[in-house]
Amino acid sequence: MRTLMFAEYSDDTFGLINDSQDDFDCYANGEPIFCRVKSGKESVLVVGQYAPKSLSGGWLVGICPDEIGMEEVPVPAWPVRLRAPASGDSSYSPVLEIAVPDDATVEFFQT
């Protein structure tokens, strides 16, 4: 198992802050950023959305069930933790940690 950590890089980018360190830029348009974490037949969607400064000025971070084709895939029983940024992190928003199998892949996409 390995741990993937998802968080913001700035007010318009969101992604992996460890592992591949891939991030996706929404160009501050307010649209959510999604990625699929998949291992075998199990998968989950990770969602990051920047909340406008009038509301928060931080990122909303979470997971939801995946739909592959038109079939809903239940959220895997992978350990998931939402935590505050560590002291010294440049992040000001929550960090989502998911313990995934070693063969898990991460794919960012727009809806």
N, C-alpha and C. Protein backbone atom coordinates (compact mmCIF):
# COMPACT_ATOMS: atom_id res chain seq x y z
N MET A 1 0.85 -1.18 0.00
CA MET A 1 0.00 0.00 0.00
C MET A 1 0.89 1.24 0.00
N ARG A 2 0.40 2.28 -0.65
CA ARG A 2 1.06 3.58 -0.61
C ARG A 2 0.01 4.64 -0.30
N THR A 3 0.44 5.77 0.16
CA THR A 3 -0.49 6.84 0.51
C THR A 3 -0.40 7.96 -0.52
N LEU A 4 -1.57 8.33 -1.05
CA LEU A 4 -1.67 9.49 -1.95
C LEU A 4 -2.20 10.65 -1.13
N MET A 5 -1.62 11.83 -1.32
CA MET A 5 -2.07 13.03 -0.60
C MET A 5 -2.49 14.07 -1.63
N PHE A 6 -3.73 14.53 -1.53
CA PHE A 6 -4.30 15.51 -2.44
C PHE A 6 -4.53 16.82 -1.70
N ALA A 7 -4.13 17.92 -2.33
CA ALA A 7 -4.35 19.24 -1.73
C ALA A 7 -4.14 20.30 -2.81
N GLU A 8 -4.34 21.54 -2.41
CA GLU A 8 -4.14 22.66 -3.33
C GLU A 8 -2.67 23.00 -3.44
N TYR A 9 -2.31 23.57 -4.58
CA TYR A 9 -0.98 24.15 -4.76
C TYR A 9 -1.08 25.67 -4.70
N SER A 10 -2.24 26.20 -5.04
CA SER A 10 -2.47 27.65 -5.02
C SER A 10 -3.99 27.85 -5.11
N ASP A 11 -4.41 29.08 -5.41
CA ASP A 11 -5.85 29.31 -5.49
C ASP A 11 -6.46 28.81 -6.79
N ASP A 12 -5.65 28.24 -7.69
CA ASP A 12 -6.25 27.70 -8.91
C ASP A 12 -5.68 26.35 -9.35
N THR A 13 -4.82 25.73 -8.55
CA THR A 13 -4.34 24.40 -8.89
C THR A 13 -4.54 23.45 -7.72
N PHE A 14 -4.81 22.19 -8.06
CA PHE A 14 -5.11 21.14 -7.09
C PHE A 14 -4.50 19.85 -7.62
N GLY A 15 -3.99 19.03 -6.73
CA GLY A 15 -3.47 17.75 -7.19
C GLY A 15 -2.77 16.97 -6.12
N LEU A 16 -1.88 16.07 -6.57
CA LEU A 16 -1.09 15.25 -5.66
C LEU A 16 0.05 16.08 -5.10
N ILE A 17 0.20 16.09 -3.80
CA ILE A 17 1.31 16.84 -3.20
C ILE A 17 2.46 15.90 -2.85
N ASN A 18 2.26 14.61 -3.07
CA ASN A 18 3.35 13.64 -2.94
C ASN A 18 3.26 12.73 -4.17
N ASP A 19 3.91 11.63 -4.16
CA ASP A 19 3.86 10.67 -5.27
C ASP A 19 4.31 11.36 -6.55
N SER A 20 3.48 11.48 -7.57
CA SER A 20 3.89 12.07 -8.85
C SER A 20 3.91 13.60 -8.83
N GLN A 21 3.30 14.21 -7.84
CA GLN A 21 3.18 15.66 -7.69
C GLN A 21 2.49 16.31 -8.89
N ASP A 22 1.58 15.57 -9.54
CA ASP A 22 0.78 16.14 -10.62
C ASP A 22 -0.23 17.11 -10.04
N ASP A 23 -0.43 18.21 -10.73
CA ASP A 23 -1.51 19.12 -10.32
C ASP A 23 -2.24 19.58 -11.57
N PHE A 24 -3.45 20.04 -11.35
CA PHE A 24 -4.32 20.44 -12.45
C PHE A 24 -4.76 21.87 -12.19
N ASP A 25 -4.77 22.67 -13.23
CA ASP A 25 -5.08 24.09 -13.11
C ASP A 25 -6.49 24.36 -13.62
N CYS A 26 -7.35 24.93 -12.77
CA CYS A 26 -8.71 25.28 -13.20
C CYS A 26 -8.79 26.75 -13.60
N TYR A 27 -7.65 27.44 -13.60
CA TYR A 27 -7.56 28.85 -14.01
C TYR A 27 -8.51 29.74 -13.21
N ALA A 28 -8.71 29.37 -11.94
CA ALA A 28 -9.56 30.15 -11.02
C ALA A 28 -10.96 30.35 -11.55
N ASN A 29 -11.48 29.39 -12.32
CA ASN A 29 -12.83 29.53 -12.89
C ASN A 29 -13.94 29.02 -11.97
N GLY A 30 -13.58 28.48 -10.81
CA GLY A 30 -14.58 28.01 -9.87
C GLY A 30 -15.08 26.61 -10.12
N GLU A 31 -14.65 25.98 -11.22
CA GLU A 31 -15.08 24.62 -11.53
C GLU A 31 -14.29 23.62 -10.70
N PRO A 32 -14.93 22.50 -10.32
CA PRO A 32 -14.20 21.49 -9.55
C PRO A 32 -13.16 20.78 -10.42
N ILE A 33 -12.14 20.28 -9.76
CA ILE A 33 -11.11 19.46 -10.41
C ILE A 33 -11.32 18.03 -9.91
N PHE A 34 -11.41 17.10 -10.85
CA PHE A 34 -11.64 15.70 -10.52
C PHE A 34 -10.44 14.86 -10.90
N CYS A 35 -10.26 13.77 -10.18
CA CYS A 35 -9.35 12.74 -10.63
C CYS A 35 -9.90 11.39 -10.21
N ARG A 36 -9.59 10.40 -11.00
CA ARG A 36 -10.00 9.02 -10.73
C ARG A 36 -8.79 8.28 -10.18
N VAL A 37 -8.97 7.65 -9.03
CA VAL A 37 -7.95 6.78 -8.46
C VAL A 37 -8.48 5.37 -8.64
N LYS A 38 -7.72 4.55 -9.34
CA LYS A 38 -8.22 3.23 -9.73
C LYS A 38 -7.19 2.14 -9.49
N SER A 39 -7.68 1.02 -8.99
CA SER A 39 -6.87 -0.18 -8.82
C SER A 39 -7.75 -1.37 -9.14
N GLY A 40 -7.42 -2.09 -10.21
CA GLY A 40 -8.26 -3.21 -10.62
C GLY A 40 -9.67 -2.74 -10.94
N LYS A 41 -10.68 -3.35 -10.32
CA LYS A 41 -12.07 -2.96 -10.55
C LYS A 41 -12.56 -1.93 -9.54
N GLU A 42 -11.69 -1.53 -8.62
CA GLU A 42 -12.07 -0.55 -7.61
C GLU A 42 -11.61 0.84 -8.03
N SER A 43 -12.45 1.83 -7.78
CA SER A 43 -12.06 3.21 -8.07
C SER A 43 -12.89 4.19 -7.26
N VAL A 44 -12.34 5.39 -7.15
CA VAL A 44 -13.01 6.46 -6.42
C VAL A 44 -12.65 7.77 -7.12
N LEU A 45 -13.55 8.74 -7.05
CA LEU A 45 -13.25 10.07 -7.57
C LEU A 45 -12.82 10.96 -6.42
N VAL A 46 -11.75 11.69 -6.63
CA VAL A 46 -11.29 12.72 -5.69
C VAL A 46 -11.68 14.05 -6.30
N VAL A 47 -12.25 14.93 -5.48
CA VAL A 47 -12.75 16.21 -5.96
C VAL A 47 -12.13 17.34 -5.15
N GLY A 48 -11.64 18.35 -5.87
CA GLY A 48 -11.15 19.57 -5.23
C GLY A 48 -11.83 20.76 -5.89
N GLN A 49 -12.37 21.65 -5.09
CA GLN A 49 -13.02 22.84 -5.65
C GLN A 49 -12.65 24.04 -4.79
N TYR A 50 -12.21 25.08 -5.46
CA TYR A 50 -11.83 26.31 -4.77
C TYR A 50 -13.08 27.08 -4.40
N ALA A 51 -13.21 27.43 -3.14
CA ALA A 51 -14.34 28.23 -2.68
C ALA A 51 -14.00 29.70 -2.86
N PRO A 52 -14.89 30.47 -3.46
CA PRO A 52 -14.62 31.90 -3.67
C PRO A 52 -14.28 32.60 -2.37
N LYS A 53 -13.43 33.62 -2.47
CA LYS A 53 -13.00 34.36 -1.27
C LYS A 53 -14.17 34.93 -0.48
N SER A 54 -15.28 35.20 -1.16
CA SER A 54 -16.43 35.72 -0.42
C SER A 54 -16.99 34.67 0.53
N LEU A 55 -16.68 33.39 0.29
CA LEU A 55 -17.15 32.33 1.18
C LEU A 55 -16.05 31.82 2.09
N SER A 56 -14.88 31.52 1.52
CA SER A 56 -13.83 30.91 2.31
C SER A 56 -12.44 31.29 1.85
N GLY A 57 -12.19 31.22 0.55
CA GLY A 57 -10.84 31.42 0.05
C GLY A 57 -9.97 30.19 0.20
N GLY A 58 -10.58 29.05 0.48
CA GLY A 58 -9.84 27.79 0.60
C GLY A 58 -10.44 26.73 -0.30
N TRP A 59 -9.87 25.56 -0.26
CA TRP A 59 -10.30 24.45 -1.10
C TRP A 59 -11.23 23.51 -0.35
N LEU A 60 -12.27 23.05 -1.02
CA LEU A 60 -13.13 21.98 -0.56
C LEU A 60 -12.54 20.71 -1.15
N VAL A 61 -12.31 19.69 -0.34
CA VAL A 61 -11.66 18.47 -0.80
C VAL A 61 -12.47 17.28 -0.33
N GLY A 62 -12.70 16.30 -1.21
CA GLY A 62 -13.44 15.12 -0.80
C GLY A 62 -13.39 14.01 -1.82
N ILE A 63 -14.17 12.97 -1.57
CA ILE A 63 -14.27 11.84 -2.47
C ILE A 63 -15.74 11.56 -2.75
N CYS A 64 -15.99 10.84 -3.84
CA CYS A 64 -17.34 10.38 -4.15
C CYS A 64 -17.24 9.09 -4.96
N PRO A 65 -18.35 8.33 -5.02
CA PRO A 65 -18.32 7.10 -5.82
C PRO A 65 -18.02 7.42 -7.27
N ASP A 66 -17.43 6.46 -7.95
CA ASP A 66 -17.10 6.59 -9.37
C ASP A 66 -18.19 5.90 -10.18
N GLU A 67 -18.39 6.37 -11.38
CA GLU A 67 -19.25 5.67 -12.33
C GLU A 67 -18.39 5.38 -13.55
N ILE A 68 -18.20 4.12 -13.82
CA ILE A 68 -17.45 3.71 -14.99
C ILE A 68 -18.48 3.23 -16.00
N GLY A 69 -18.55 3.91 -17.14
CA GLY A 69 -19.67 3.68 -18.04
C GLY A 69 -20.91 4.21 -17.35
N MET A 70 -21.91 3.43 -17.19
CA MET A 70 -23.11 3.84 -16.48
C MET A 70 -23.29 3.04 -15.20
N GLU A 71 -22.28 2.26 -14.83
CA GLU A 71 -22.37 1.42 -13.64
C GLU A 71 -21.66 2.11 -12.47
N GLU A 72 -22.38 2.33 -11.39
CA GLU A 72 -21.77 2.95 -10.21
C GLU A 72 -20.89 1.93 -9.50
N VAL A 73 -19.70 2.36 -9.17
CA VAL A 73 -18.76 1.51 -8.44
C VAL A 73 -18.71 2.03 -7.00
N PRO A 74 -18.98 1.16 -6.01
CA PRO A 74 -18.96 1.64 -4.62
C PRO A 74 -17.58 2.17 -4.23
N VAL A 75 -17.56 3.06 -3.26
CA VAL A 75 -16.29 3.58 -2.74
C VAL A 75 -15.51 2.41 -2.14
N PRO A 76 -14.26 2.22 -2.54
CA PRO A 76 -13.46 1.11 -2.00
C PRO A 76 -13.22 1.28 -0.50
N ALA A 77 -12.89 0.19 0.13
CA ALA A 77 -12.62 0.21 1.58
C ALA A 77 -11.17 0.61 1.85
N TRP A 78 -10.66 1.56 1.09
CA TRP A 78 -9.31 2.06 1.31
C TRP A 78 -9.36 3.10 2.44
N PRO A 79 -8.41 3.06 3.35
CA PRO A 79 -8.40 4.06 4.42
C PRO A 79 -8.28 5.48 3.85
N VAL A 80 -9.15 6.36 4.31
CA VAL A 80 -9.19 7.76 3.87
C VAL A 80 -9.13 8.65 5.10
N ARG A 81 -8.34 9.70 5.01
CA ARG A 81 -8.23 10.64 6.15
C ARG A 81 -8.17 12.06 5.61
N LEU A 82 -8.90 12.93 6.24
CA LEU A 82 -8.85 14.36 5.93
C LEU A 82 -8.15 15.02 7.10
N ARG A 83 -7.08 15.76 6.81
CA ARG A 83 -6.31 16.36 7.90
C ARG A 83 -5.97 17.81 7.58
N ALA A 84 -5.60 18.51 8.61
CA ALA A 84 -5.11 19.88 8.44
C ALA A 84 -3.70 19.83 7.86
N PRO A 85 -3.28 20.90 7.18
CA PRO A 85 -1.91 20.93 6.67
C PRO A 85 -0.90 20.81 7.80
N ALA A 86 0.21 20.15 7.53
CA ALA A 86 1.27 20.02 8.53
C ALA A 86 1.94 21.37 8.73
N SER A 87 2.50 21.58 9.88
CA SER A 87 3.20 22.83 10.14
C SER A 87 4.35 22.95 9.14
N GLY A 88 4.47 24.10 8.54
CA GLY A 88 5.49 24.33 7.53
C GLY A 88 5.01 24.08 6.11
N ASP A 89 3.84 23.41 5.95
CA ASP A 89 3.28 23.22 4.60
C ASP A 89 2.87 24.58 4.05
N SER A 90 2.97 24.72 2.74
CA SER A 90 2.48 25.96 2.13
C SER A 90 0.97 25.92 1.96
N SER A 91 0.38 24.75 2.17
CA SER A 91 -1.07 24.58 2.01
C SER A 91 -1.84 25.28 3.13
N TYR A 92 -2.97 25.85 2.79
CA TYR A 92 -3.84 26.46 3.79
C TYR A 92 -5.19 25.76 3.81
N SER A 93 -5.34 24.69 3.06
CA SER A 93 -6.59 23.95 2.95
C SER A 93 -6.38 22.51 3.41
N PRO A 94 -7.47 21.77 3.62
CA PRO A 94 -7.32 20.38 4.09
C PRO A 94 -6.53 19.53 3.10
N VAL A 95 -5.91 18.49 3.64
CA VAL A 95 -5.19 17.51 2.84
C VAL A 95 -5.95 16.20 2.93
N LEU A 96 -6.24 15.58 1.78
CA LEU A 96 -6.92 14.30 1.73
C LEU A 96 -5.88 13.21 1.51
N GLU A 97 -5.83 12.25 2.43
CA GLU A 97 -4.90 11.13 2.31
C GLU A 97 -5.69 9.86 2.04
N ILE A 98 -5.26 9.09 1.04
CA ILE A 98 -5.90 7.81 0.72
C ILE A 98 -4.81 6.75 0.64
N ALA A 99 -4.96 5.68 1.42
CA ALA A 99 -4.05 4.54 1.33
C ALA A 99 -4.57 3.64 0.21
N VAL A 100 -3.78 3.47 -0.83
CA VAL A 100 -4.21 2.73 -2.02
C VAL A 100 -3.26 1.57 -2.30
N PRO A 101 -3.74 0.57 -3.05
CA PRO A 101 -2.83 -0.51 -3.45
C PRO A 101 -1.68 0.05 -4.29
N ASP A 102 -0.57 -0.64 -4.30
CA ASP A 102 0.62 -0.18 -5.02
C ASP A 102 0.39 0.03 -6.51
N ASP A 103 -0.56 -0.70 -7.11
CA ASP A 103 -0.78 -0.58 -8.55
C ASP A 103 -1.80 0.51 -8.92
N ALA A 104 -2.26 1.28 -7.94
CA ALA A 104 -3.29 2.30 -8.21
C ALA A 104 -2.75 3.36 -9.17
N THR A 105 -3.65 3.82 -10.05
CA THR A 105 -3.32 4.89 -10.99
C THR A 105 -4.17 6.11 -10.68
N VAL A 106 -3.68 7.28 -11.09
CA VAL A 106 -4.40 8.55 -10.88
C VAL A 106 -4.53 9.24 -12.22
N GLU A 107 -5.77 9.62 -12.56
CA GLU A 107 -6.04 10.29 -13.82
C GLU A 107 -6.86 11.55 -13.56
N PHE A 108 -6.35 12.73 -13.91
CA PHE A 108 -7.07 13.99 -13.76
C PHE A 108 -7.89 14.24 -15.01
N PHE A 109 -9.07 14.84 -14.83
CA PHE A 109 -9.91 15.16 -15.97
C PHE A 109 -10.87 16.28 -15.62
N GLN A 110 -11.48 16.88 -16.66
CA GLN A 110 -12.50 17.88 -16.47
C GLN A 110 -13.85 17.27 -16.83
N THR A 111 -14.90 17.78 -16.21
CA THR A 111 -16.24 17.27 -16.54
C THR A 111 -16.82 18.04 -17.69
